[in-house]
Amino acid sequence: MRMRPSLLMVLLAALAIRYPLAQAAGSRYLLTWAGDADRRDSDFLAVVDVQPNSATYRQVLRTVPVGETGTNPHHTEHAFAPGRSAFASGFGGNRTFRFD
């Protein structure tokens, strides 16, 4: 299922594009935890390429739906270590999601 970008996802991607030096040293991807604005489609994690010299720079490379709507995507970790899971909270759904 292809997710439509939410306003939050577009804003975060735009910030990463405008301020690429703000990203962690060596980081190529921006993980964006977002929800569908009209709550019809699943909340999702989006992976955006923020490596300026990449052929896919500024593109959403993948979306990972969680199978739930309206969880009010809220918190994620601030840094993600390679090979470790990423955790994201759905504030309104009282849920935490783990992404590998």
PDB file of N, CA and C in Angstrom:
ATOM      1  N   MET A   1       0.842  -1.165   0.000  1.00  0.00           N
ATOM      2  CA  MET A   1       0.000   0.000   0.000  1.00  0.00           C
ATOM      3  C   MET A   1       0.899   1.244   0.000  1.00  0.00           C
ATOM      4  N   ARG A   2       0.656   2.158  -0.872  1.00  0.00           N
ATOM      5  CA  ARG A   2       1.442   3.392  -0.944  1.00  0.00           C
ATOM      6  C   ARG A   2       0.755   4.461  -0.100  1.00  0.00           C
ATOM      7  N   MET A   3       1.505   5.057   0.806  1.00  0.00           N
ATOM      8  CA  MET A   3       0.967   6.078   1.694  1.00  0.00           C
ATOM      9  C   MET A   3       1.066   7.456   1.055  1.00  0.00           C
ATOM     10  N   ARG A   4       0.067   8.268   1.285  1.00  0.00           N
ATOM     11  CA  ARG A   4       0.134   9.662   0.866  1.00  0.00           C
ATOM     12  C   ARG A   4       0.921  10.428   1.908  1.00  0.00           C
ATOM     13  N   PRO A   5       1.819  11.318   1.488  1.00  0.00           N
ATOM     14  CA  PRO A   5       2.599  12.056   2.481  1.00  0.00           C
ATOM     15  C   PRO A   5       1.710  12.996   3.279  1.00  0.00           C
ATOM     16  N   SER A   6       1.914  13.021   4.576  1.00  0.00           N
ATOM     17  CA  SER A   6       1.182  13.945   5.423  1.00  0.00           C
ATOM     18  C   SER A   6       1.929  15.279   5.435  1.00  0.00           C
ATOM     19  N   LEU A   7       1.284  16.301   5.919  1.00  0.00           N
ATOM     20  CA  LEU A   7       1.911  17.606   6.032  1.00  0.00           C
ATOM     21  C   LEU A   7       3.153  17.525   6.908  1.00  0.00           C
ATOM     22  N   LEU A   8       3.090  16.784   8.004  1.00  0.00           N
ATOM     23  CA  LEU A   8       4.238  16.631   8.892  1.00  0.00           C
ATOM     24  C   LEU A   8       5.410  15.997   8.168  1.00  0.00           C
ATOM     25  N   MET A   9       5.153  14.940   7.404  1.00  0.00           N
ATOM     26  CA  MET A   9       6.231  14.264   6.690  1.00  0.00           C
ATOM     27  C   MET A   9       6.878  15.195   5.673  1.00  0.00           C
ATOM     28  N   VAL A  10       6.074  15.953   4.947  1.00  0.00           N
ATOM     29  CA  VAL A  10       6.599  16.888   3.958  1.00  0.00           C
ATOM     30  C   VAL A  10       7.434  17.963   4.646  1.00  0.00           C
ATOM     31  N   LEU A  11       6.959  18.477   5.781  1.00  0.00           N
ATOM     32  CA  LEU A  11       7.692  19.501   6.520  1.00  0.00           C
ATOM     33  C   LEU A  11       9.033  18.977   7.012  1.00  0.00           C
ATOM     34  N   LEU A  12       9.041  17.785   7.594  1.00  0.00           N
ATOM     35  CA  LEU A  12      10.296  17.221   8.090  1.00  0.00           C
ATOM     36  C   LEU A  12      11.281  16.951   6.959  1.00  0.00           C
ATOM     37  N   ALA A  13      10.794  16.457   5.845  1.00  0.00           N
ATOM     38  CA  ALA A  13      11.675  16.230   4.702  1.00  0.00           C
ATOM     39  C   ALA A  13      12.231  17.546   4.183  1.00  0.00           C
ATOM     40  N   ALA A  14      11.402  18.586   4.152  1.00  0.00           N
ATOM     41  CA  ALA A  14      11.864  19.896   3.694  1.00  0.00           C
ATOM     42  C   ALA A  14      12.936  20.451   4.623  1.00  0.00           C
ATOM     43  N   LEU A  15      12.770  20.267   5.917  1.00  0.00           N
ATOM     44  CA  LEU A  15      13.780  20.734   6.864  1.00  0.00           C
ATOM     45  C   LEU A  15      15.094  19.990   6.683  1.00  0.00           C
ATOM     46  N   ALA A  16      15.010  18.693   6.452  1.00  0.00           N
ATOM     47  CA  ALA A  16      16.228  17.905   6.242  1.00  0.00           C
ATOM     48  C   ALA A  16      16.938  18.336   4.972  1.00  0.00           C
ATOM     49  N   ILE A  17      16.177  18.704   3.966  1.00  0.00           N
ATOM     50  CA  ILE A  17      16.763  19.161   2.700  1.00  0.00           C
ATOM     51  C   ILE A  17      17.378  20.544   2.870  1.00  0.00           C
ATOM     52  N   ARG A  18      16.697  21.416   3.578  1.00  0.00           N
ATOM     53  CA  ARG A  18      17.163  22.793   3.755  1.00  0.00           C
ATOM     54  C   ARG A  18      18.357  22.880   4.684  1.00  0.00           C
ATOM     55  N   TYR A  19      18.402  22.032   5.694  1.00  0.00           N
ATOM     56  CA  TYR A  19      19.466  22.070   6.693  1.00  0.00           C
ATOM     57  C   TYR A  19      20.169  20.722   6.796  1.00  0.00           C
ATOM     58  N   PRO A  20      20.813  20.251   5.724  1.00  0.00           N
ATOM     59  CA  PRO A  20      21.415  18.924   5.760  1.00  0.00           C
ATOM     60  C   PRO A  20      22.544  18.791   6.768  1.00  0.00           C
ATOM     61  N   LEU A  21      23.177  19.885   7.173  1.00  0.00           N
ATOM     62  CA  LEU A  21      24.264  19.797   8.138  1.00  0.00           C
ATOM     63  C   LEU A  21      23.748  19.477   9.538  1.00  0.00           C
ATOM     64  N   ALA A  22      22.447  19.620   9.759  1.00  0.00           N
ATOM     65  CA  ALA A  22      21.874  19.334  11.064  1.00  0.00           C
ATOM     66  C   ALA A  22      21.733  17.832  11.305  1.00  0.00           C
ATOM     67  N   GLN A  23      21.878  17.035  10.264  1.00  0.00           N
ATOM     68  CA  GLN A  23      21.745  15.597  10.433  1.00  0.00           C
ATOM     69  C   GLN A  23      22.980  15.033  11.118  1.00  0.00           C
ATOM     70  N   ALA A  24      22.840  13.883  11.722  1.00  0.00           N
ATOM     71  CA  ALA A  24      23.954  13.244  12.401  1.00  0.00           C
ATOM     72  C   ALA A  24      25.060  12.931  11.398  1.00  0.00           C
ATOM     73  N   ALA A  25      26.283  13.018  11.833  1.00  0.00           N
ATOM     74  CA  ALA A  25      27.425  12.743  10.961  1.00  0.00           C
ATOM     75  C   ALA A  25      27.300  11.337  10.381  1.00  0.00           C
ATOM     76  N   GLY A  26      27.392  11.227   9.072  1.00  0.00           N
ATOM     77  CA  GLY A  26      27.327   9.945   8.409  1.00  0.00           C
ATOM     78  C   GLY A  26      25.925   9.407   8.178  1.00  0.00           C
ATOM     79  N   SER A  27      24.920  10.096   8.644  1.00  0.00           N
ATOM     80  CA  SER A  27      23.550   9.624   8.476  1.00  0.00           C
ATOM     81  C   SER A  27      23.060   9.892   7.065  1.00  0.00           C
ATOM     82  N   ARG A  28      22.521   8.884   6.433  1.00  0.00           N
ATOM     83  CA  ARG A  28      22.014   9.031   5.073  1.00  0.00           C
ATOM     84  C   ARG A  28      20.498   9.126   5.033  1.00  0.00           C
ATOM     85  N   TYR A  29      19.830   8.692   6.090  1.00  0.00           N
ATOM     86  CA  TYR A  29      18.380   8.594   6.083  1.00  0.00           C
ATOM     87  C   TYR A  29      17.747   9.396   7.211  1.00  0.00           C
ATOM     88  N   LEU A  30      16.566   9.901   6.931  1.00  0.00           N
ATOM     89  CA  LEU A  30      15.732  10.547   7.929  1.00  0.00           C
ATOM     90  C   LEU A  30      14.512   9.668   8.106  1.00  0.00           C
ATOM     91  N   LEU A  31      14.289   9.185   9.335  1.00  0.00           N
ATOM     92  CA  LEU A  31      13.095   8.406   9.620  1.00  0.00           C
ATOM     93  C   LEU A  31      12.024   9.370  10.092  1.00  0.00           C
ATOM     94  N   THR A  32      10.864   9.301   9.452  1.00  0.00           N
ATOM     95  CA  THR A  32       9.763  10.205   9.762  1.00  0.00           C
ATOM     96  C   THR A  32       8.562   9.390  10.198  1.00  0.00           C
ATOM     97  N   TRP A  33       8.123   9.619  11.411  1.00  0.00           N
ATOM     98  CA  TRP A  33       6.992   8.896  12.001  1.00  0.00           C
ATOM     99  C   TRP A  33       5.787   9.789  11.842  1.00  0.00           C
ATOM    100  N   ALA A  34       4.792   9.348  11.069  1.00  0.00           N
ATOM    101  CA  ALA A  34       3.677  10.231  10.711  1.00  0.00           C
ATOM    102  C   ALA A  34       2.367   9.468  10.611  1.00  0.00           C
ATOM    103  N   GLY A  35       1.289  10.241  10.557  1.00  0.00           N
ATOM    104  CA  GLY A  35      -0.036   9.670  10.394  1.00  0.00           C
ATOM    105  C   GLY A  35      -0.735  10.305   9.213  1.00  0.00           C
ATOM    106  N   ASP A  36      -1.674   9.593   8.665  1.00  0.00           N
ATOM    107  CA  ASP A  36      -2.477  10.102   7.563  1.00  0.00           C
ATOM    108  C   ASP A  36      -3.376  11.221   8.095  1.00  0.00           C
ATOM    109  N   ALA A  37      -3.382  12.361   7.418  1.00  0.00           N
ATOM    110  CA  ALA A  37      -4.107  13.543   7.898  1.00  0.00           C
ATOM    111  C   ALA A  37      -5.595  13.278   8.105  1.00  0.00           C
ATOM    112  N   ASP A  38      -6.226  12.514   7.216  1.00  0.00           N
ATOM    113  CA  ASP A  38      -7.670  12.263   7.376  1.00  0.00           C
ATOM    114  C   ASP A  38      -7.966  10.960   8.123  1.00  0.00           C
ATOM    115  N   ARG A  39      -6.912  10.306   8.607  1.00  0.00           N
ATOM    116  CA  ARG A  39      -7.012   9.084   9.408  1.00  0.00           C
ATOM    117  C   ARG A  39      -7.709   7.937   8.683  1.00  0.00           C
ATOM    118  N   ARG A  40      -7.620   7.924   7.372  1.00  0.00           N
ATOM    119  CA  ARG A  40      -8.188   6.815   6.590  1.00  0.00           C
ATOM    120  C   ARG A  40      -7.177   5.696   6.414  1.00  0.00           C
ATOM    121  N   ASP A  41      -5.914   6.093   6.185  1.00  0.00           N
ATOM    122  CA  ASP A  41      -4.859   5.108   5.968  1.00  0.00           C
ATOM    123  C   ASP A  41      -4.022   4.959   7.228  1.00  0.00           C
ATOM    124  N   SER A  42      -3.289   3.881   7.282  1.00  0.00           N
ATOM    125  CA  SER A  42      -2.481   3.552   8.445  1.00  0.00           C
ATOM    126  C   SER A  42      -1.430   4.622   8.757  1.00  0.00           C
ATOM    127  N   ASP A  43      -1.142   4.813  10.044  1.00  0.00           N
ATOM    128  CA  ASP A  43       0.009   5.608  10.448  1.00  0.00           C
ATOM    129  C   ASP A  43       1.236   4.865   9.922  1.00  0.00           C
ATOM    130  N   PHE A  44       2.344   5.581   9.726  1.00  0.00           N
ATOM    131  CA  PHE A  44       3.470   4.941   9.059  1.00  0.00           C
ATOM    132  C   PHE A  44       4.804   5.585   9.397  1.00  0.00           C
ATOM    133  N   LEU A  45       5.850   4.830   9.168  1.00  0.00           N
ATOM    134  CA  LEU A  45       7.221   5.322   9.246  1.00  0.00           C
ATOM    135  C   LEU A  45       7.683   5.487   7.810  1.00  0.00           C
ATOM    136  N   ALA A  46       8.246   6.643   7.499  1.00  0.00           N
ATOM    137  CA  ALA A  46       8.770   6.886   6.153  1.00  0.00           C
ATOM    138  C   ALA A  46      10.279   7.040   6.231  1.00  0.00           C
ATOM    139  N   VAL A  47      10.973   6.521   5.236  1.00  0.00           N
ATOM    140  CA  VAL A  47      12.422   6.631   5.149  1.00  0.00           C
ATOM    141  C   VAL A  47      12.741   7.590   4.003  1.00  0.00           C
ATOM    142  N   VAL A  48      13.413   8.702   4.333  1.00  0.00           N
ATOM    143  CA  VAL A  48      13.750   9.732   3.353  1.00  0.00           C
ATOM    144  C   VAL A  48      15.267   9.759   3.187  1.00  0.00           C
ATOM    145  N   ASP A  49      15.732   9.800   1.942  1.00  0.00           N
ATOM    146  CA  ASP A  49      17.165   9.899   1.653  1.00  0.00           C
ATOM    147  C   ASP A  49      17.591  11.354   1.801  1.00  0.00           C
ATOM    148  N   VAL A  50      18.517  11.620   2.715  1.00  0.00           N
ATOM    149  CA  VAL A  50      18.996  12.989   2.942  1.00  0.00           C
ATOM    150  C   VAL A  50      20.492  13.132   2.659  1.00  0.00           C
ATOM    151  N   GLN A  51      21.038  12.211   1.877  1.00  0.00           N
ATOM    152  CA  GLN A  51      22.445  12.290   1.475  1.00  0.00           C
ATOM    153  C   GLN A  51      22.523  13.150   0.214  1.00  0.00           C
ATOM    154  N   PRO A  52      23.071  14.372   0.304  1.00  0.00           N
ATOM    155  CA  PRO A  52      23.034  15.308  -0.828  1.00  0.00           C
ATOM    156  C   PRO A  52      23.589  14.780  -2.152  1.00  0.00           C
ATOM    157  N   ASN A  53      24.577  13.902  -2.142  1.00  0.00           N
ATOM    158  CA  ASN A  53      25.159  13.429  -3.407  1.00  0.00           C
ATOM    159  C   ASN A  53      24.515  12.138  -3.920  1.00  0.00           C
ATOM    160  N   SER A  54      23.423  11.719  -3.325  1.00  0.00           N
ATOM    161  CA  SER A  54      22.740  10.493  -3.722  1.00  0.00           C
ATOM    162  C   SER A  54      21.797  10.741  -4.895  1.00  0.00           C
ATOM    163  N   ALA A  55      21.628   9.729  -5.731  1.00  0.00           N
ATOM    164  CA  ALA A  55      20.693   9.819  -6.868  1.00  0.00           C
ATOM    165  C   ALA A  55      19.239   9.891  -6.385  1.00  0.00           C
ATOM    166  N   THR A  56      18.971   9.425  -5.175  1.00  0.00           N
ATOM    167  CA  THR A  56      17.611   9.451  -4.637  1.00  0.00           C
ATOM    168  C   THR A  56      17.435  10.521  -3.553  1.00  0.00           C
ATOM    169  N   TYR A  57      18.337  11.493  -3.521  1.00  0.00           N
ATOM    170  CA  TYR A  57      18.267  12.594  -2.545  1.00  0.00           C
ATOM    171  C   TYR A  57      16.891  13.247  -2.570  1.00  0.00           C
ATOM    172  N   ARG A  58      16.326  13.486  -1.394  1.00  0.00           N
ATOM    173  CA  ARG A  58      15.025  14.132  -1.193  1.00  0.00           C
ATOM    174  C   ARG A  58      13.834  13.223  -1.465  1.00  0.00           C
ATOM    175  N   GLN A  59      14.061  11.974  -1.749  1.00  0.00           N
ATOM    176  CA  GLN A  59      12.952  11.077  -2.068  1.00  0.00           C
ATOM    177  C   GLN A  59      12.565  10.209  -0.874  1.00  0.00           C
ATOM    178  N   VAL A  60      11.275   9.911  -0.778  1.00  0.00           N
ATOM    179  CA  VAL A  60      10.803   8.932   0.198  1.00  0.00           C
ATOM    180  C   VAL A  60      11.129   7.567  -0.396  1.00  0.00           C
ATOM    181  N   LEU A  61      12.008   6.831   0.260  1.00  0.00           N
ATOM    182  CA  LEU A  61      12.451   5.545  -0.260  1.00  0.00           C
ATOM    183  C   LEU A  61      11.498   4.406   0.087  1.00  0.00           C
ATOM    184  N   ARG A  62      10.864   4.535   1.245  1.00  0.00           N
ATOM    185  CA  ARG A  62       9.967   3.461   1.676  1.00  0.00           C
ATOM    186  C   ARG A  62       9.040   3.980   2.755  1.00  0.00           C
ATOM    187  N   THR A  63       7.836   3.440   2.784  1.00  0.00           N
ATOM    188  CA  THR A  63       6.930   3.685   3.892  1.00  0.00           C
ATOM    189  C   THR A  63       6.588   2.344   4.519  1.00  0.00           C
ATOM    190  N   VAL A  64       6.466   2.342   5.832  1.00  0.00           N
ATOM    191  CA  VAL A  64       6.146   1.120   6.560  1.00  0.00           C
ATOM    192  C   VAL A  64       4.886   1.381   7.379  1.00  0.00           C
ATOM    193  N   PRO A  65       3.714   0.929   6.893  1.00  0.00           N
ATOM    194  CA  PRO A  65       2.481   1.131   7.650  1.00  0.00           C
ATOM    195  C   PRO A  65       2.458   0.240   8.883  1.00  0.00           C
ATOM    196  N   VAL A  66       1.814   0.722   9.958  1.00  0.00           N
ATOM    197  CA  VAL A  66       1.725  -0.069  11.192  1.00  0.00           C
ATOM    198  C   VAL A  66       0.388  -0.783  11.340  1.00  0.00           C
ATOM    199  N   GLY A  67      -0.531  -0.533  10.410  1.00  0.00           N
ATOM    200  CA  GLY A  67      -1.815  -1.227  10.447  1.00  0.00           C
ATOM    201  C   GLY A  67      -2.832  -0.627  11.399  1.00  0.00           C
ATOM    202  N   GLU A  68      -2.562   0.581  11.887  1.00  0.00           N
ATOM    203  CA  GLU A  68      -3.496   1.265  12.771  1.00  0.00           C
ATOM    204  C   GLU A  68      -3.606   2.722  12.347  1.00  0.00           C
ATOM    205  N   THR A  69      -4.765   3.309  12.561  1.00  0.00           N
ATOM    206  CA  THR A  69      -4.967   4.714  12.230  1.00  0.00           C
ATOM    207  C   THR A  69      -5.228   5.521  13.489  1.00  0.00           C
ATOM    208  N   GLY A  70      -4.908   6.806  13.421  1.00  0.00           N
ATOM    209  CA  GLY A  70      -5.234   7.721  14.505  1.00  0.00           C
ATOM    210  C   GLY A  70      -4.492   7.501  15.798  1.00  0.00           C
ATOM    211  N   THR A  71      -3.278   6.953  15.746  1.00  0.00           N
ATOM    212  CA  THR A  71      -2.516   6.768  16.983  1.00  0.00           C
ATOM    213  C   THR A  71      -1.830   8.066  17.419  1.00  0.00           C
ATOM    214  N   ASN A  72      -1.943   9.097  16.608  1.00  0.00           N
ATOM    215  CA  ASN A  72      -1.263  10.377  16.867  1.00  0.00           C
ATOM    216  C   ASN A  72       0.239  10.174  17.028  1.00  0.00           C
ATOM    217  N   PRO A  73       0.928   9.827  15.935  1.00  0.00           N
ATOM    218  CA  PRO A  73       2.374   9.626  16.004  1.00  0.00           C
ATOM    219  C   PRO A  73       3.025  10.776  16.761  1.00  0.00           C
ATOM    220  N   HIS A  74       3.865  10.429  17.741  1.00  0.00           N
ATOM    221  CA  HIS A  74       4.351  11.454  18.648  1.00  0.00           C
ATOM    222  C   HIS A  74       5.848  11.394  18.861  1.00  0.00           C
ATOM    223  N   HIS A  75       6.335  10.466  19.646  1.00  0.00           N
ATOM    224  CA  HIS A  75       7.755  10.427  19.992  1.00  0.00           C
ATOM    225  C   HIS A  75       8.495   9.322  19.252  1.00  0.00           C
ATOM    226  N   THR A  76       9.729   9.614  18.928  1.00  0.00           N
ATOM    227  CA  THR A  76      10.675   8.605  18.463  1.00  0.00           C
ATOM    228  C   THR A  76      11.978   8.857  19.195  1.00  0.00           C
ATOM    229  N   GLU A  77      12.903   7.960  19.014  1.00  0.00           N
ATOM    230  CA  GLU A  77      14.235   8.185  19.556  1.00  0.00           C
ATOM    231  C   GLU A  77      14.883   9.311  18.758  1.00  0.00           C
ATOM    232  N   HIS A  78      15.862   9.960  19.349  1.00  0.00           N
ATOM    233  CA  HIS A  78      16.539  11.060  18.656  1.00  0.00           C
ATOM    234  C   HIS A  78      17.661  10.564  17.756  1.00  0.00           C
ATOM    235  N   ALA A  79      18.218   9.421  18.056  1.00  0.00           N
ATOM    236  CA  ALA A  79      19.283   8.849  17.240  1.00  0.00           C
ATOM    237  C   ALA A  79      19.047   7.345  17.126  1.00  0.00           C
ATOM    238  N   PHE A  80      19.399   6.805  15.993  1.00  0.00           N
ATOM    239  CA  PHE A  80      19.200   5.385  15.741  1.00  0.00           C
ATOM    240  C   PHE A  80      20.549   4.751  15.431  1.00  0.00           C
ATOM    241  N   ALA A  81      20.875   3.712  16.142  1.00  0.00           N
ATOM    242  CA  ALA A  81      22.140   3.021  15.924  1.00  0.00           C
ATOM    243  C   ALA A  81      21.967   1.959  14.847  1.00  0.00           C
ATOM    244  N   PRO A  82      22.950   1.824  13.947  1.00  0.00           N
ATOM    245  CA  PRO A  82      22.866   0.785  12.913  1.00  0.00           C
ATOM    246  C   PRO A  82      22.711  -0.598  13.537  1.00  0.00           C
ATOM    247  N   GLY A  83      21.809  -1.381  12.957  1.00  0.00           N
ATOM    248  CA  GLY A  83      21.599  -2.737  13.435  1.00  0.00           C
ATOM    249  C   GLY A  83      20.703  -2.852  14.654  1.00  0.00           C
ATOM    250  N   ARG A  84      20.185  -1.741  15.136  1.00  0.00           N
ATOM    251  CA  ARG A  84      19.301  -1.754  16.310  1.00  0.00           C
ATOM    252  C   ARG A  84      17.898  -1.359  15.886  1.00  0.00           C
ATOM    253  N   SER A  85      16.926  -1.752  16.661  1.00  0.00           N
ATOM    254  CA  SER A  85      15.535  -1.394  16.373  1.00  0.00           C
ATOM    255  C   SER A  85      15.289   0.084  16.672  1.00  0.00           C
ATOM    256  N   ALA A  86      14.309   0.650  15.975  1.00  0.00           N
ATOM    257  CA  ALA A  86      13.853   2.011  16.240  1.00  0.00           C
ATOM    258  C   ALA A  86      12.476   1.902  16.890  1.00  0.00           C
ATOM    259  N   PHE A  87      12.224   2.757  17.866  1.00  0.00           N
ATOM    260  CA  PHE A  87      10.946   2.751  18.570  1.00  0.00           C
ATOM    261  C   PHE A  87      10.231   4.069  18.341  1.00  0.00           C
ATOM    262  N   ALA A  88       8.919   4.002  18.138  1.00  0.00           N
ATOM    263  CA  ALA A  88       8.100   5.195  17.915  1.00  0.00           C
ATOM    264  C   ALA A  88       6.792   5.032  18.679  1.00  0.00           C
ATOM    265  N   SER A  89       6.353   6.118  19.309  1.00  0.00           N
ATOM    266  CA  SER A  89       5.137   6.067  20.121  1.00  0.00           C
ATOM    267  C   SER A  89       3.946   6.663  19.393  1.00  0.00           C
ATOM    268  N   GLY A  90       2.809   6.023  19.571  1.00  0.00           N
ATOM    269  CA  GLY A  90       1.536   6.562  19.111  1.00  0.00           C
ATOM    270  C   GLY A  90       0.823   7.128  20.333  1.00  0.00           C
ATOM    271  N   PHE A  91       0.974   8.412  20.559  1.00  0.00           N
ATOM    272  CA  PHE A  91       0.487   9.078  21.764  1.00  0.00           C
ATOM    273  C   PHE A  91      -0.996   8.820  22.023  1.00  0.00           C
ATOM    274  N   GLY A  92      -1.825   8.998  21.004  1.00  0.00           N
ATOM    275  CA  GLY A  92      -3.266   8.822  21.174  1.00  0.00           C
ATOM    276  C   GLY A  92      -3.690   7.371  21.253  1.00  0.00           C
ATOM    277  N   GLY A  93      -2.884   6.469  20.727  1.00  0.00           N
ATOM    278  CA  GLY A  93      -3.230   5.053  20.730  1.00  0.00           C
ATOM    279  C   GLY A  93      -2.616   4.292  21.886  1.00  0.00           C
ATOM    280  N   ASN A  94      -1.828   5.018  22.732  1.00  0.00           N
ATOM    281  CA  ASN A  94      -1.166   4.390  23.875  1.00  0.00           C
ATOM    282  C   ASN A  94      -0.383   3.161  23.430  1.00  0.00           C
ATOM    283  N   ARG A  95       0.382   3.334  22.329  1.00  0.00           N
ATOM    284  CA  ARG A  95       1.135   2.235  21.740  1.00  0.00           C
ATOM    285  C   ARG A  95       2.558   2.665  21.450  1.00  0.00           C
ATOM    286  N   THR A  96       3.454   1.703  21.483  1.00  0.00           N
ATOM    287  CA  THR A  96       4.825   1.892  21.023  1.00  0.00           C
ATOM    288  C   THR A  96       5.074   0.862  19.938  1.00  0.00           C
ATOM    289  N   PHE A  97       5.642   1.314  18.816  1.00  0.00           N
ATOM    290  CA  PHE A  97       5.909   0.446  17.680  1.00  0.00           C
ATOM    291  C   PHE A  97       7.414   0.252  17.540  1.00  0.00           C
ATOM    292  N   ARG A  98       7.808  -0.965  17.198  1.00  0.00           N
ATOM    293  CA  ARG A  98       9.229  -1.283  17.010  1.00  0.00           C
ATOM    294  C   ARG A  98       9.462  -1.546  15.521  1.00  0.00           C
ATOM    295  N   PHE A  99      10.482  -0.895  14.987  1.00  0.00           N
ATOM    296  CA  PHE A  99      10.843  -1.071  13.580  1.00  0.00           C
ATOM    297  C   PHE A  99      12.244  -1.627  13.505  1.00  0.00           C
ATOM    298  N   ASP A 100      12.423  -2.669  12.677  1.00  0.00           N
ATOM    299  CA  ASP A 100      13.759  -3.256  12.462  1.00  0.00           C
ATOM    300  C   ASP A 100      14.348  -2.715  11.185  1.00  0.00           C
TER     301      ASP A 100
END
